[in-house]
């Protein structure tokens, strides 16, 4: 179903919401926790269309209840999470995905950015916890500009890293906050790299 949806949506999305992904060689083989800023409901679709390998997304339970979105999250085999509590079922399924050497996409802010240039919001502890428990590399991704009709969206895939300094430790709130700060720092570093790269390119084209 996942790859059928890729094929069905490929041409319309490519034409209406074009995107260019940079740094594809940074995506490792096997399992990984992919962390990204969140600009639009189209962000997961862009990822599905522009990268062939199946990826699993964590999606809020409300998307499984709306008629306009429930068919899509099911077709993408998304993992439903209840954000109002510690959802053990979602955690268990996420770890199972990583154990099978698959890739899990998480928007660690837990919500979309309200403004395109607002930067990264507060990073929740879920991504760090899953990456440490599964001993998975983390791949930072920065969406430089919000998807808009007929406007090219630029997406940068950064170099993978691991939170191996926390492996084997008891995952207290303090430990997870330290690990989450690293995730936040890596995303902000990638944001700065994007700004330097794309603004420089824009100046050259003037």
Protein backbone atom coordinates (compact mmCIF):
# COMPACT_ATOMS: atom_id res chain seq x y z
CA UNK A 1 0.00 0.00 0.00
CA UNK A 2 2.86 2.37 0.87
CA UNK A 3 4.61 2.06 -2.50
CA UNK A 4 1.26 2.12 -4.36
CA UNK A 5 0.55 5.47 -2.68
CA UNK A 6 4.02 6.69 -3.67
CA UNK A 7 3.28 5.90 -7.31
CA UNK A 8 -0.20 7.43 -7.23
CA UNK A 9 0.91 10.70 -5.62
CA UNK A 10 4.30 11.03 -7.28
CA UNK A 11 3.44 13.11 -10.35
CA UNK A 12 0.78 15.41 -8.80
CA UNK A 13 2.96 16.27 -5.81
CA UNK A 14 6.09 16.72 -7.92
CA UNK A 15 4.25 19.20 -10.15
CA UNK A 16 2.18 21.09 -7.59
CA UNK A 17 4.56 20.96 -4.60
CA UNK A 18 8.05 20.43 -6.05
CA UNK A 19 10.89 19.66 -3.64
CA UNK A 20 14.61 19.11 -3.82
CA UNK A 21 16.37 16.95 -1.23
CA UNK A 22 20.05 17.64 -0.54
CA UNK A 23 22.50 15.34 1.27
CA UNK A 24 20.85 12.05 0.30
CA UNK A 25 24.18 10.25 0.72
CA UNK A 26 23.97 10.98 4.44
CA UNK A 27 21.04 8.61 4.87
CA UNK A 28 22.48 5.41 6.40
CA UNK A 29 21.46 1.88 5.51
CA UNK A 30 19.39 0.03 8.07
CA UNK A 31 17.62 1.48 11.06
CA UNK A 32 17.65 5.16 11.93
CA UNK A 33 15.63 7.75 13.80
CA UNK A 34 15.03 10.66 11.43
CA UNK A 35 14.37 13.94 13.23
CA UNK A 36 13.01 16.95 11.37
CA UNK A 37 11.44 20.33 11.92
CA UNK A 38 7.75 20.40 11.00
CA UNK A 39 6.42 23.13 8.69
CA UNK A 40 3.28 21.66 7.12
CA UNK A 41 0.96 18.65 6.91
CA UNK A 42 2.66 18.02 3.57
CA UNK A 43 6.05 17.32 5.20
CA UNK A 44 5.50 13.53 5.49
CA UNK A 45 4.12 13.35 1.94
CA UNK A 46 7.21 15.12 0.62
CA UNK A 47 9.39 12.57 2.40
CA UNK A 48 7.41 9.63 1.01
CA UNK A 49 7.44 10.98 -2.56
CA UNK A 50 11.08 12.02 -2.65
CA UNK A 51 12.69 9.00 -0.93
CA UNK A 52 11.73 5.51 -2.09
CA UNK A 53 12.63 3.37 0.95
CA UNK A 54 9.65 2.86 3.25
CA UNK A 55 9.72 4.97 6.37
CA UNK A 56 7.45 4.85 9.39
CA UNK A 57 5.97 8.06 10.77
CA UNK A 58 4.62 8.80 14.22
CA UNK A 59 1.29 10.61 13.88
CA UNK A 60 -1.06 12.07 16.48
CA UNK A 61 -4.20 10.01 17.09
CA UNK A 62 -6.46 12.84 15.90
CA UNK A 63 -5.29 12.23 12.33
CA UNK A 64 -6.66 8.67 12.56
CA UNK A 65 -10.09 10.05 13.49
CA UNK A 66 -10.58 12.68 10.77
CA UNK A 67 -12.19 11.49 7.53
CA UNK A 68 -9.86 13.72 5.53
CA UNK A 69 -6.67 12.14 6.89
CA UNK A 70 -7.34 8.70 8.36
CA UNK A 71 -7.07 6.90 5.00
CA UNK A 72 -3.69 8.55 4.38
CA UNK A 73 -2.09 7.76 7.74
CA UNK A 74 -3.28 4.17 7.41
CA UNK A 75 -1.88 3.89 3.87
CA UNK A 76 1.44 5.20 5.19
CA UNK A 77 1.29 2.67 8.05
CA UNK A 78 1.77 5.49 10.56
CA UNK A 79 2.19 4.77 14.25
CA UNK A 80 -0.65 6.32 16.24
CA UNK A 81 0.35 8.22 19.36
CA UNK A 82 -1.73 9.79 22.09
CA UNK A 83 0.13 12.99 22.94
CA UNK A 84 -1.82 13.54 26.14
CA UNK A 85 -0.04 10.69 27.94
CA UNK A 86 2.94 8.34 27.80
CA UNK A 87 1.66 6.09 25.03
CA UNK A 88 3.33 2.74 25.74
CA UNK A 89 1.74 1.10 22.70
CA UNK A 90 3.25 3.71 20.39
CA UNK A 91 6.64 3.38 22.09
CA UNK A 92 6.55 -0.42 21.76
CA UNK A 93 5.63 -0.31 18.07
CA UNK A 94 8.28 2.33 17.34
CA UNK A 95 10.96 0.17 18.96
CA UNK A 96 9.75 -2.85 16.97
CA UNK A 97 10.16 -0.86 13.74
CA UNK A 98 13.73 0.08 14.66
CA UNK A 99 14.51 -3.48 15.78
CA UNK A 100 13.58 -4.62 12.25
CA UNK A 101 16.21 -2.22 10.84
CA UNK A 102 13.60 0.19 9.47
CA UNK A 103 13.60 3.98 9.58
CA UNK A 104 11.37 5.99 11.89
CA UNK A 105 10.55 9.65 11.21
CA UNK A 106 9.80 11.84 14.22
CA UNK A 107 8.99 15.54 14.38
CA UNK A 108 10.50 16.08 17.85
CA UNK A 109 8.75 19.41 18.47
CA UNK A 110 5.51 17.43 18.51
CA UNK A 111 3.68 20.06 16.44
CA UNK A 112 4.04 22.23 13.36
CA UNK A 113 5.91 25.54 13.43
CA UNK A 114 3.40 28.38 13.29
CA UNK A 115 5.67 30.66 11.26
CA UNK A 116 7.97 29.64 8.41
CA UNK A 117 11.01 31.43 9.86
CA UNK A 118 10.27 30.81 13.53
CA UNK A 119 13.06 28.25 13.89
CA UNK A 120 12.99 25.14 16.04
CA UNK A 121 10.63 24.94 18.99
CA UNK A 122 11.09 22.91 22.16
CA UNK A 123 12.29 19.37 21.46
CA UNK A 124 10.41 16.67 23.34
CA UNK A 125 12.19 13.64 24.83
CA UNK A 126 10.58 10.92 22.71
CA UNK A 127 13.12 10.89 19.87
CA UNK A 128 16.06 10.70 22.26
CA UNK A 129 14.48 7.91 24.27
CA UNK A 130 13.77 5.78 21.19
CA UNK A 131 17.21 6.36 19.67
CA UNK A 132 18.99 5.44 22.91
CA UNK A 133 16.86 2.39 23.69
CA UNK A 134 17.27 1.00 20.15
CA UNK A 135 20.87 2.23 19.80
CA UNK A 136 19.95 3.76 16.47
CA UNK A 137 21.76 6.51 14.59
CA UNK A 138 19.89 9.81 14.35
CA UNK A 139 19.59 11.64 11.04
CA UNK A 140 18.81 15.37 11.30
CA UNK A 141 16.67 16.84 8.52
CA UNK A 142 15.87 20.52 8.00
CA UNK A 143 12.98 21.74 5.84
CA UNK A 144 14.24 25.13 4.72
CA UNK A 145 10.97 26.52 3.42
CA UNK A 146 7.33 25.56 3.87
CA UNK A 147 5.73 23.73 0.89
CA UNK A 148 3.78 26.14 -1.33
CA UNK A 149 2.04 25.67 -4.66
CA UNK A 150 4.54 25.63 -7.56
CA UNK A 151 7.38 26.79 -5.26
CA UNK A 152 10.44 24.61 -4.76
CA UNK A 153 10.83 23.31 -1.21
CA UNK A 154 14.43 22.73 -0.15
CA UNK A 155 15.18 19.94 2.30
CA UNK A 156 18.61 19.15 3.75
CA UNK A 157 19.54 15.72 5.11
CA UNK A 158 22.38 16.06 7.62
CA UNK A 159 25.07 13.64 8.72
CA UNK A 160 23.97 10.87 11.10
CA UNK A 161 25.20 10.76 14.68
CA UNK A 162 24.57 8.62 17.77
CA UNK A 163 23.74 9.34 21.39
CA UNK A 164 26.12 6.57 22.39
CA UNK A 165 27.34 8.46 25.47
CA UNK A 166 23.94 7.64 26.99
CA UNK A 167 23.84 3.93 26.06
CA UNK A 168 23.42 1.73 29.11
CA UNK A 169 22.41 4.62 31.37
CA UNK A 170 19.18 4.80 33.30
CA UNK A 171 16.95 7.07 31.24
CA UNK A 172 15.96 9.59 33.87
CA UNK A 173 14.28 12.88 32.96
CA UNK A 174 17.63 14.63 33.39
CA UNK A 175 19.45 12.23 31.05
CA UNK A 176 16.72 12.49 28.40
CA UNK A 177 16.76 16.28 28.58
CA UNK A 178 20.53 16.31 27.98
CA UNK A 179 20.12 13.93 25.04
CA UNK A 180 17.24 15.98 23.63
CA UNK A 181 19.38 19.12 23.82
CA UNK A 182 21.91 17.42 21.53
CA UNK A 183 19.11 16.65 19.05
CA UNK A 184 18.03 20.29 19.21
CA UNK A 185 21.61 21.53 18.73
CA UNK A 186 22.17 19.27 15.71
CA UNK A 187 18.96 20.48 14.06
CA UNK A 188 19.85 24.12 14.69
CA UNK A 189 23.32 23.54 13.24
CA UNK A 190 21.71 22.10 10.12
CA UNK A 191 19.33 25.07 9.97
CA UNK A 192 22.31 27.43 9.96
CA UNK A 193 24.00 25.34 7.26
CA UNK A 194 20.85 25.59 5.12
CA UNK A 195 20.60 29.34 5.57
CA UNK A 196 24.23 29.82 4.57
CA UNK A 197 23.93 27.50 1.55
CA UNK A 198 20.63 28.69 0.13
CA UNK A 199 21.01 32.40 0.84
CA UNK A 200 24.45 32.34 -0.80
CA UNK A 201 22.95 30.60 -3.83
CA UNK A 202 20.16 33.19 -3.96
CA UNK A 203 22.69 36.06 -3.94
CA UNK A 204 24.64 34.43 -6.79
CA UNK A 205 21.48 34.14 -8.90
CA UNK A 206 20.63 37.83 -8.54
